[in-house]
PDB file of N, CA and C in Angstrom:
ATOM      1  N   MET A   1       0.830  -1.183   0.000  1.00  0.00           N
ATOM      2  CA  MET A   1       0.000   0.000   0.000  1.00  0.00           C
ATOM      3  C   MET A   1       0.875   1.247   0.000  1.00  0.00           C
ATOM      4  N   LYS A   2       0.432   2.244  -0.718  1.00  0.00           N
ATOM      5  CA  LYS A   2       1.144   3.511  -0.717  1.00  0.00           C
ATOM      6  C   LYS A   2       0.881   4.236   0.593  1.00  0.00           C
ATOM      7  N   LYS A   3       1.900   4.861   1.114  1.00  0.00           N
ATOM      8  CA  LYS A   3       1.753   5.607   2.352  1.00  0.00           C
ATOM      9  C   LYS A   3       1.167   6.982   2.075  1.00  0.00           C
ATOM     10  N   GLY A   4       0.325   7.437   3.004  1.00  0.00           N
ATOM     11  CA  GLY A   4      -0.216   8.781   2.933  1.00  0.00           C
ATOM     12  C   GLY A   4      -1.456   8.961   2.072  1.00  0.00           C
ATOM     13  N   ILE A   5      -1.957   7.903   1.422  1.00  0.00           N
ATOM     14  CA  ILE A   5      -3.143   8.074   0.593  1.00  0.00           C
ATOM     15  C   ILE A   5      -4.388   7.470   1.232  1.00  0.00           C
ATOM     16  N   HIS A   6      -4.233   6.669   2.260  1.00  0.00           N
ATOM     17  CA  HIS A   6      -5.369   6.020   2.907  1.00  0.00           C
ATOM     18  C   HIS A   6      -5.758   6.784   4.168  1.00  0.00           C
ATOM     19  N   PRO A   7      -7.053   6.977   4.388  1.00  0.00           N
ATOM     20  CA  PRO A   7      -7.484   7.693   5.593  1.00  0.00           C
ATOM     21  C   PRO A   7      -7.226   6.867   6.848  1.00  0.00           C
ATOM     22  N   ASP A   8      -7.084   7.552   7.958  1.00  0.00           N
ATOM     23  CA  ASP A   8      -6.849   6.879   9.229  1.00  0.00           C
ATOM     24  C   ASP A   8      -8.177   6.450   9.844  1.00  0.00           C
ATOM     25  N   TYR A   9      -8.192   5.237  10.389  1.00  0.00           N
ATOM     26  CA  TYR A   9      -9.356   4.765  11.118  1.00  0.00           C
ATOM     27  C   TYR A   9      -9.294   5.294  12.539  1.00  0.00           C
ATOM     28  N   ARG A  10     -10.486   5.578  13.090  1.00  0.00           N
ATOM     29  CA  ARG A  10     -10.566   6.029  14.469  1.00  0.00           C
ATOM     30  C   ARG A  10     -11.871   5.519  15.060  1.00  0.00           C
ATOM     31  N   GLU A  11     -11.963   5.564  16.372  1.00  0.00           N
ATOM     32  CA  GLU A  11     -13.168   5.126  17.074  1.00  0.00           C
ATOM     33  C   GLU A  11     -14.279   6.150  16.829  1.00  0.00           C
ATOM     34  N   VAL A  12     -15.477   5.680  16.461  1.00  0.00           N
ATOM     35  CA  VAL A  12     -16.614   6.540  16.163  1.00  0.00           C
ATOM     36  C   VAL A  12     -17.873   5.881  16.725  1.00  0.00           C
ATOM     37  N   VAL A  13     -18.796   6.690  17.243  1.00  0.00           N
ATOM     38  CA  VAL A  13     -20.084   6.191  17.716  1.00  0.00           C
ATOM     39  C   VAL A  13     -21.130   6.480  16.654  1.00  0.00           C
ATOM     40  N   PHE A  14     -21.863   5.445  16.244  1.00  0.00           N
ATOM     41  CA  PHE A  14     -22.993   5.589  15.338  1.00  0.00           C
ATOM     42  C   PHE A  14     -24.256   5.494  16.177  1.00  0.00           C
ATOM     43  N   GLN A  15     -25.153   6.480  16.035  1.00  0.00           N
ATOM     44  CA  GLN A  15     -26.374   6.519  16.825  1.00  0.00           C
ATOM     45  C   GLN A  15     -27.587   6.524  15.905  1.00  0.00           C
ATOM     46  N   ASP A  16     -28.520   5.603  16.172  1.00  0.00           N
ATOM     47  CA  ASP A  16     -29.759   5.504  15.413  1.00  0.00           C
ATOM     48  C   ASP A  16     -30.711   6.594  15.881  1.00  0.00           C
ATOM     49  N   ALA A  17     -31.148   7.446  14.964  1.00  0.00           N
ATOM     50  CA  ALA A  17     -32.020   8.565  15.314  1.00  0.00           C
ATOM     51  C   ALA A  17     -33.439   8.115  15.641  1.00  0.00           C
ATOM     52  N   SER A  18     -33.865   6.958  15.117  1.00  0.00           N
ATOM     53  CA  SER A  18     -35.236   6.512  15.341  1.00  0.00           C
ATOM     54  C   SER A  18     -35.386   5.580  16.540  1.00  0.00           C
ATOM     55  N   SER A  19     -34.281   5.191  17.141  1.00  0.00           N
ATOM     56  CA  SER A  19     -34.344   4.370  18.357  1.00  0.00           C
ATOM     57  C   SER A  19     -33.218   4.823  19.285  1.00  0.00           C
ATOM     58  N   ASP A  20     -33.223   4.305  20.476  1.00  0.00           N
ATOM     59  CA  ASP A  20     -32.191   4.687  21.441  1.00  0.00           C
ATOM     60  C   ASP A  20     -31.037   3.686  21.381  1.00  0.00           C
ATOM     61  N   PHE A  21     -30.487   3.499  20.193  1.00  0.00           N
ATOM     62  CA  PHE A  21     -29.440   2.509  19.963  1.00  0.00           C
ATOM     63  C   PHE A  21     -28.194   3.196  19.423  1.00  0.00           C
ATOM     64  N   ALA A  22     -27.062   2.862  19.991  1.00  0.00           N
ATOM     65  CA  ALA A  22     -25.782   3.403  19.521  1.00  0.00           C
ATOM     66  C   ALA A  22     -24.721   2.322  19.656  1.00  0.00           C
ATOM     67  N   PHE A  23     -23.730   2.371  18.791  1.00  0.00           N
ATOM     68  CA  PHE A  23     -22.637   1.418  18.889  1.00  0.00           C
ATOM     69  C   PHE A  23     -21.322   2.089  18.534  1.00  0.00           C
ATOM     70  N   LEU A  24     -20.274   1.593  19.147  1.00  0.00           N
ATOM     71  CA  LEU A  24     -18.923   2.114  18.955  1.00  0.00           C
ATOM     72  C   LEU A  24     -18.190   1.201  17.993  1.00  0.00           C
ATOM     73  N   THR A  25     -17.600   1.795  16.971  1.00  0.00           N
ATOM     74  CA  THR A  25     -16.839   1.021  15.993  1.00  0.00           C
ATOM     75  C   THR A  25     -15.741   1.903  15.421  1.00  0.00           C
ATOM     76  N   ARG A  26     -14.977   1.361  14.488  1.00  0.00           N
ATOM     77  CA  ARG A  26     -13.923   2.135  13.848  1.00  0.00           C
ATOM     78  C   ARG A  26     -14.387   2.553  12.468  1.00  0.00           C
ATOM     79  N   SER A  27     -14.058   3.792  12.083  1.00  0.00           N
ATOM     80  CA  SER A  27     -14.480   4.315  10.793  1.00  0.00           C
ATOM     81  C   SER A  27     -13.547   5.443  10.364  1.00  0.00           C
ATOM     82  N   THR A  28     -13.623   5.786   9.084  1.00  0.00           N
ATOM     83  CA  THR A  28     -12.852   6.918   8.554  1.00  0.00           C
ATOM     84  C   THR A  28     -13.726   8.149   8.386  1.00  0.00           C
ATOM     85  N   ILE A  29     -15.000   8.044   8.720  1.00  0.00           N
ATOM     86  CA  ILE A  29     -15.942   9.142   8.529  1.00  0.00           C
ATOM     87  C   ILE A  29     -15.571  10.326   9.417  1.00  0.00           C
ATOM     88  N   ARG A  30     -15.813  11.526   8.899  1.00  0.00           N
ATOM     89  CA  ARG A  30     -15.529  12.765   9.634  1.00  0.00           C
ATOM     90  C   ARG A  30     -16.830  13.392  10.094  1.00  0.00           C
ATOM     91  N   THR A  31     -16.844  13.921  11.303  1.00  0.00           N
ATOM     92  CA  THR A  31     -18.016  14.582  11.854  1.00  0.00           C
ATOM     93  C   THR A  31     -17.585  15.629  12.870  1.00  0.00           C
ATOM     94  N   LYS A  32     -18.439  16.633  13.064  1.00  0.00           N
ATOM     95  CA  LYS A  32     -18.123  17.685  14.028  1.00  0.00           C
ATOM     96  C   LYS A  32     -18.724  17.404  15.398  1.00  0.00           C
ATOM     97  N   GLU A  33     -19.757  16.548  15.449  1.00  0.00           N
ATOM     98  CA  GLU A  33     -20.414  16.249  16.717  1.00  0.00           C
ATOM     99  C   GLU A  33     -19.630  15.204  17.504  1.00  0.00           C
ATOM    100  N   THR A  34     -19.748  15.274  18.832  1.00  0.00           N
ATOM    101  CA  THR A  34     -19.126  14.282  19.697  1.00  0.00           C
ATOM    102  C   THR A  34     -20.131  13.824  20.738  1.00  0.00           C
ATOM    103  N   ILE A  35     -19.821  12.691  21.377  1.00  0.00           N
ATOM    104  CA  ILE A  35     -20.677  12.149  22.416  1.00  0.00           C
ATOM    105  C   ILE A  35     -19.799  11.476  23.468  1.00  0.00           C
ATOM    106  N   LYS A  36     -20.252  11.561  24.716  1.00  0.00           N
ATOM    107  CA  LYS A  36     -19.537  10.872  25.789  1.00  0.00           C
ATOM    108  C   LYS A  36     -20.062   9.444  25.830  1.00  0.00           C
ATOM    109  N   TRP A  37     -19.174   8.476  25.706  1.00  0.00           N
ATOM    110  CA  TRP A  37     -19.544   7.072  25.620  1.00  0.00           C
ATOM    111  C   TRP A  37     -19.563   6.445  27.012  1.00  0.00           C
ATOM    112  N   GLU A  38     -20.004   5.203  27.092  1.00  0.00           N
ATOM    113  CA  GLU A  38     -20.141   4.461  28.344  1.00  0.00           C
ATOM    114  C   GLU A  38     -18.836   4.340  29.122  1.00  0.00           C
ATOM    115  N   ASP A  39     -17.711   4.333  28.419  1.00  0.00           N
ATOM    116  CA  ASP A  39     -16.415   4.188  29.080  1.00  0.00           C
ATOM    117  C   ASP A  39     -15.869   5.509  29.613  1.00  0.00           C
ATOM    118  N   GLY A  40     -16.648   6.602  29.437  1.00  0.00           N
ATOM    119  CA  GLY A  40     -16.236   7.909  29.931  1.00  0.00           C
ATOM    120  C   GLY A  40     -15.461   8.742  28.932  1.00  0.00           C
ATOM    121  N   ASN A  41     -15.055   8.160  27.832  1.00  0.00           N
ATOM    122  CA  ASN A  41     -14.321   8.886  26.791  1.00  0.00           C
ATOM    123  C   ASN A  41     -15.287   9.565  25.828  1.00  0.00           C
ATOM    124  N   GLU A  42     -14.799  10.591  25.163  1.00  0.00           N
ATOM    125  CA  GLU A  42     -15.589  11.317  24.176  1.00  0.00           C
ATOM    126  C   GLU A  42     -15.167  10.872  22.776  1.00  0.00           C
ATOM    127  N   TYR A  43     -16.174  10.558  21.941  1.00  0.00           N
ATOM    128  CA  TYR A  43     -15.917  10.067  20.591  1.00  0.00           C
ATOM    129  C   TYR A  43     -16.720  10.884  19.585  1.00  0.00           C
ATOM    130  N   PRO A  44     -16.270  10.910  18.320  1.00  0.00           N
ATOM    131  CA  PRO A  44     -17.061  11.545  17.267  1.00  0.00           C
ATOM    132  C   PRO A  44     -18.404  10.817  17.130  1.00  0.00           C
ATOM    133  N   LEU A  45     -19.469  11.561  16.825  1.00  0.00           N
ATOM    134  CA  LEU A  45     -20.812  11.000  16.726  1.00  0.00           C
ATOM    135  C   LEU A  45     -21.329  11.136  15.305  1.00  0.00           C
ATOM    136  N   VAL A  46     -21.847  10.020  14.773  1.00  0.00           N
ATOM    137  CA  VAL A  46     -22.497  10.004  13.466  1.00  0.00           C
ATOM    138  C   VAL A  46     -23.923   9.529  13.688  1.00  0.00           C
ATOM    139  N   LYS A  47     -24.900  10.363  13.305  1.00  0.00           N
ATOM    140  CA  LYS A  47     -26.303   9.993  13.457  1.00  0.00           C
ATOM    141  C   LYS A  47     -26.789   9.358  12.161  1.00  0.00           C
ATOM    142  N   VAL A  48     -27.417   8.190  12.298  1.00  0.00           N
ATOM    143  CA  VAL A  48     -27.966   7.472  11.151  1.00  0.00           C
ATOM    144  C   VAL A  48     -29.469   7.335  11.339  1.00  0.00           C
ATOM    145  N   GLU A  49     -30.197   7.234  10.245  1.00  0.00           N
ATOM    146  CA  GLU A  49     -31.650   7.130  10.329  1.00  0.00           C
ATOM    147  C   GLU A  49     -32.129   5.705  10.530  1.00  0.00           C
ATOM    148  N   VAL A  50     -31.353   4.729  10.087  1.00  0.00           N
ATOM    149  CA  VAL A  50     -31.759   3.332  10.185  1.00  0.00           C
ATOM    150  C   VAL A  50     -30.565   2.493  10.616  1.00  0.00           C
ATOM    151  N   SER A  51     -30.801   1.584  11.550  1.00  0.00           N
ATOM    152  CA  SER A  51     -29.781   0.622  11.950  1.00  0.00           C
ATOM    153  C   SER A  51     -30.452  -0.735  12.097  1.00  0.00           C
ATOM    154  N   SER A  52     -29.716  -1.715  12.547  1.00  0.00           N
ATOM    155  CA  SER A  52     -30.293  -3.047  12.725  1.00  0.00           C
ATOM    156  C   SER A  52     -31.378  -3.064  13.796  1.00  0.00           C
ATOM    157  N   LYS A  53     -31.398  -2.086  14.682  1.00  0.00           N
ATOM    158  CA  LYS A  53     -32.429  -2.019  15.726  1.00  0.00           C
ATOM    159  C   LYS A  53     -33.723  -1.383  15.245  1.00  0.00           C
ATOM    160  N   SER A  54     -33.695  -0.694  14.114  1.00  0.00           N
ATOM    161  CA  SER A  54     -34.909  -0.033  13.642  1.00  0.00           C
ATOM    162  C   SER A  54     -35.332  -0.465  12.237  1.00  0.00           C
ATOM    163  N   HIS A  55     -34.475  -1.166  11.506  1.00  0.00           N
ATOM    164  CA  HIS A  55     -34.830  -1.575  10.149  1.00  0.00           C
ATOM    165  C   HIS A  55     -35.857  -2.709  10.206  1.00  0.00           C
ATOM    166  N   PRO A  56     -36.933  -2.599   9.434  1.00  0.00           N
ATOM    167  CA  PRO A  56     -37.989  -3.615   9.477  1.00  0.00           C
ATOM    168  C   PRO A  56     -37.505  -5.034   9.176  1.00  0.00           C
ATOM    169  N   PHE A  57     -36.513  -5.194   8.340  1.00  0.00           N
ATOM    170  CA  PHE A  57     -36.013  -6.536   8.016  1.00  0.00           C
ATOM    171  C   PHE A  57     -35.447  -7.215   9.254  1.00  0.00           C
ATOM    172  N   TYR A  58     -34.717  -6.468  10.064  1.00  0.00           N
ATOM    173  CA  TYR A  58     -34.085  -7.045  11.256  1.00  0.00           C
ATOM    174  C   TYR A  58     -35.023  -7.126  12.447  1.00  0.00           C
ATOM    175  N   THR A  59     -36.006  -6.229  12.517  1.00  0.00           N
ATOM    176  CA  THR A  59     -36.917  -6.220  13.661  1.00  0.00           C
ATOM    177  C   THR A  59     -38.095  -7.152  13.459  1.00  0.00           C
ATOM    178  N   GLY A  60     -38.362  -7.542  12.210  1.00  0.00           N
ATOM    179  CA  GLY A  60     -39.492  -8.414  11.919  1.00  0.00           C
ATOM    180  C   GLY A  60     -40.811  -7.674  11.869  1.00  0.00           C
ATOM    181  N   LYS A  61     -40.777  -6.369  11.896  1.00  0.00           N
ATOM    182  CA  LYS A  61     -41.991  -5.560  11.864  1.00  0.00           C
ATOM    183  C   LYS A  61     -42.113  -4.853  10.520  1.00  0.00           C
ATOM    184  N   GLN A  62     -42.163  -5.645   9.472  1.00  0.00           N
ATOM    185  CA  GLN A  62     -42.242  -5.067   8.140  1.00  0.00           C
ATOM    186  C   GLN A  62     -43.635  -4.534   7.874  1.00  0.00           C
ATOM    187  N   ARG A  63     -43.694  -3.429   7.166  1.00  0.00           N
ATOM    188  CA  ARG A  63     -44.962  -2.838   6.756  1.00  0.00           C
ATOM    189  C   ARG A  63     -45.210  -3.200   5.305  1.00  0.00           C
ATOM    190  N   VAL A  64     -46.438  -3.458   4.982  1.00  0.00           N
ATOM    191  CA  VAL A  64     -46.811  -3.701   3.600  1.00  0.00           C
ATOM    192  C   VAL A  64     -47.443  -2.417   3.082  1.00  0.00           C
ATOM    193  N   LEU A  65     -46.813  -1.837   2.086  1.00  0.00           N
ATOM    194  CA  LEU A  65     -47.314  -0.585   1.517  1.00  0.00           C
ATOM    195  C   LEU A  65     -48.381  -0.881   0.479  1.00  0.00           C
ATOM    196  N   SER A  66     -49.399  -0.105   0.479  1.00  0.00           N
ATOM    197  CA  SER A  66     -50.457  -0.251  -0.504  1.00  0.00           C
ATOM    198  C   SER A  66     -49.987   0.330  -1.830  1.00  0.00           C
ATOM    199  N   THR A  67     -49.974  -0.511  -2.851  1.00  0.00           N
ATOM    200  CA  THR A  67     -49.554  -0.038  -4.169  1.00  0.00           C
ATOM    201  C   THR A  67     -50.754   0.188  -5.069  1.00  0.00           C
ATOM    202  N   GLY A  68     -51.924  -0.204  -4.599  1.00  0.00           N
ATOM    203  CA  GLY A  68     -53.135  -0.030  -5.397  1.00  0.00           C
ATOM    204  C   GLY A  68     -53.410   1.431  -5.663  1.00  0.00           C
ATOM    205  N   GLY A  69     -53.673   1.733  -6.909  1.00  0.00           N
ATOM    206  CA  GLY A  69     -54.028   3.094  -7.275  1.00  0.00           C
ATOM    207  C   GLY A  69     -52.855   3.987  -7.631  1.00  0.00           C
ATOM    208  N   ARG A  70     -51.641   3.526  -7.452  1.00  0.00           N
ATOM    209  CA  ARG A  70     -50.486   4.379  -7.770  1.00  0.00           C
ATOM    210  C   ARG A  70     -50.411   4.682  -9.265  1.00  0.00           C
ATOM    211  N   VAL A  71     -50.637   3.670 -10.076  1.00  0.00           N
ATOM    212  CA  VAL A  71     -50.584   3.874 -11.524  1.00  0.00           C
ATOM    213  C   VAL A  71     -51.708   4.808 -11.949  1.00  0.00           C
ATOM    214  N   ASP A  72     -52.901   4.585 -11.390  1.00  0.00           N
ATOM    215  CA  ASP A  72     -54.028   5.455 -11.731  1.00  0.00           C
ATOM    216  C   ASP A  72     -53.762   6.896 -11.318  1.00  0.00           C
ATOM    217  N   ARG A  73     -53.195   7.093 -10.133  1.00  0.00           N
ATOM    218  CA  ARG A  73     -52.881   8.452  -9.680  1.00  0.00           C
ATOM    219  C   ARG A  73     -51.835   9.096 -10.584  1.00  0.00           C
ATOM    220  N   PHE A  74     -50.858   8.312 -11.036  1.00  0.00           N
ATOM    221  CA  PHE A  74     -49.833   8.832 -11.943  1.00  0.00           C
ATOM    222  C   PHE A  74     -50.474   9.273 -13.256  1.00  0.00           C
ATOM    223  N   LYS A  75     -51.320   8.391 -13.809  1.00  0.00           N
ATOM    224  CA  LYS A  75     -51.970   8.723 -15.087  1.00  0.00           C
ATOM    225  C   LYS A  75     -52.867   9.947 -14.945  1.00  0.00           C
ATOM    226  N   GLN A  76     -53.543  10.056 -13.808  1.00  0.00           N
ATOM    227  CA  GLN A  76     -54.427  11.189 -13.588  1.00  0.00           C
ATOM    228  C   GLN A  76     -53.626  12.487 -13.467  1.00  0.00           C
ATOM    229  N   LYS A  77     -52.486  12.402 -12.806  1.00  0.00           N
ATOM    230  CA  LYS A  77     -51.674  13.599 -12.586  1.00  0.00           C
ATOM    231  C   LYS A  77     -50.945  14.036 -13.854  1.00  0.00           C
ATOM    232  N   TYR A  78     -50.343  13.068 -14.548  1.00  0.00           N
ATOM    233  CA  TYR A  78     -49.498  13.407 -15.699  1.00  0.00           C
ATOM    234  C   TYR A  78     -50.127  13.086 -17.048  1.00  0.00           C
ATOM    235  N   GLY A  79     -51.243  12.395 -17.049  1.00  0.00           N
ATOM    236  CA  GLY A  79     -51.894  12.038 -18.308  1.00  0.00           C
ATOM    237  C   GLY A  79     -51.137  10.927 -19.003  1.00  0.00           C
ATOM    238  N   SER A  80     -51.510  10.677 -20.207  1.00  0.00           N
ATOM    239  CA  SER A  80     -50.864   9.625 -20.986  1.00  0.00           C
ATOM    240  C   SER A  80     -49.477  10.087 -21.426  1.00  0.00           C
ATOM    241  N   MET A  81     -48.533   9.171 -21.407  1.00  0.00           N
ATOM    242  CA  MET A  81     -47.160   9.493 -21.803  1.00  0.00           C
ATOM    243  C   MET A  81     -46.961   9.289 -23.310  1.00  0.00           C
ATOM    244  N   ARG A  82     -47.989   8.796 -24.008  1.00  0.00           N
ATOM    245  CA  ARG A  82     -47.855   8.585 -25.439  1.00  0.00           C
ATOM    246  C   ARG A  82     -47.905   9.915 -26.177  1.00  0.00           C
ATOM    247  N   ARG A  83     -47.325   9.925 -27.343  1.00  0.00           N
ATOM    248  CA  ARG A  83     -47.412  11.123 -28.186  1.00  0.00           C
ATOM    249  C   ARG A  83     -48.817  11.188 -28.791  1.00  0.00           C
ATOM    250  N   GLY A  84     -49.325  12.333 -28.913  1.00  0.00           N
ATOM    251  CA  GLY A  84     -50.649  12.509 -29.501  1.00  0.00           C
ATOM    252  C   GLY A  84     -51.736  12.600 -28.467  1.00  0.00           C
ATOM    253  N   GLY A  85     -51.423  12.279 -27.187  1.00  0.00           N
ATOM    254  CA  GLY A  85     -52.365  12.432 -26.104  1.00  0.00           C
ATOM    255  C   GLY A  85     -53.477  11.393 -26.061  1.00  0.00           C
ATOM    256  N   LYS A  86     -53.360  10.293 -26.802  1.00  0.00           N
ATOM    257  CA  LYS A  86     -54.396   9.257 -26.770  1.00  0.00           C
ATOM    258  C   LYS A  86     -54.045   8.222 -25.719  1.00  0.00           C
ATOM    259  N   ASP A  87     -55.055   7.730 -24.992  1.00  0.00           N
ATOM    260  CA  ASP A  87     -54.826   6.702 -23.976  1.00  0.00           C
ATOM    261  C   ASP A  87     -54.815   5.331 -24.557  1.00  0.00           C
TER     262      ASP A  87
END
């Protein structure tokens, strides 16, 4: 590996914004926020919207979205996409 071209890894806390879940790991990501961790040390903080504690696949609480009517709403809003305006 060439020296000086790879970023340095450091300890970083990732915090799930939708749940009260955070974990400490190593990353090259840069952030201005910090947080005091369980061990008493202060680490850079990265807020994420989804983690394994909040993602429906991992929690088993998947939602089924209704897709009925989406095509009709699209056609109603934008009309026919064909040239000449015929449906």
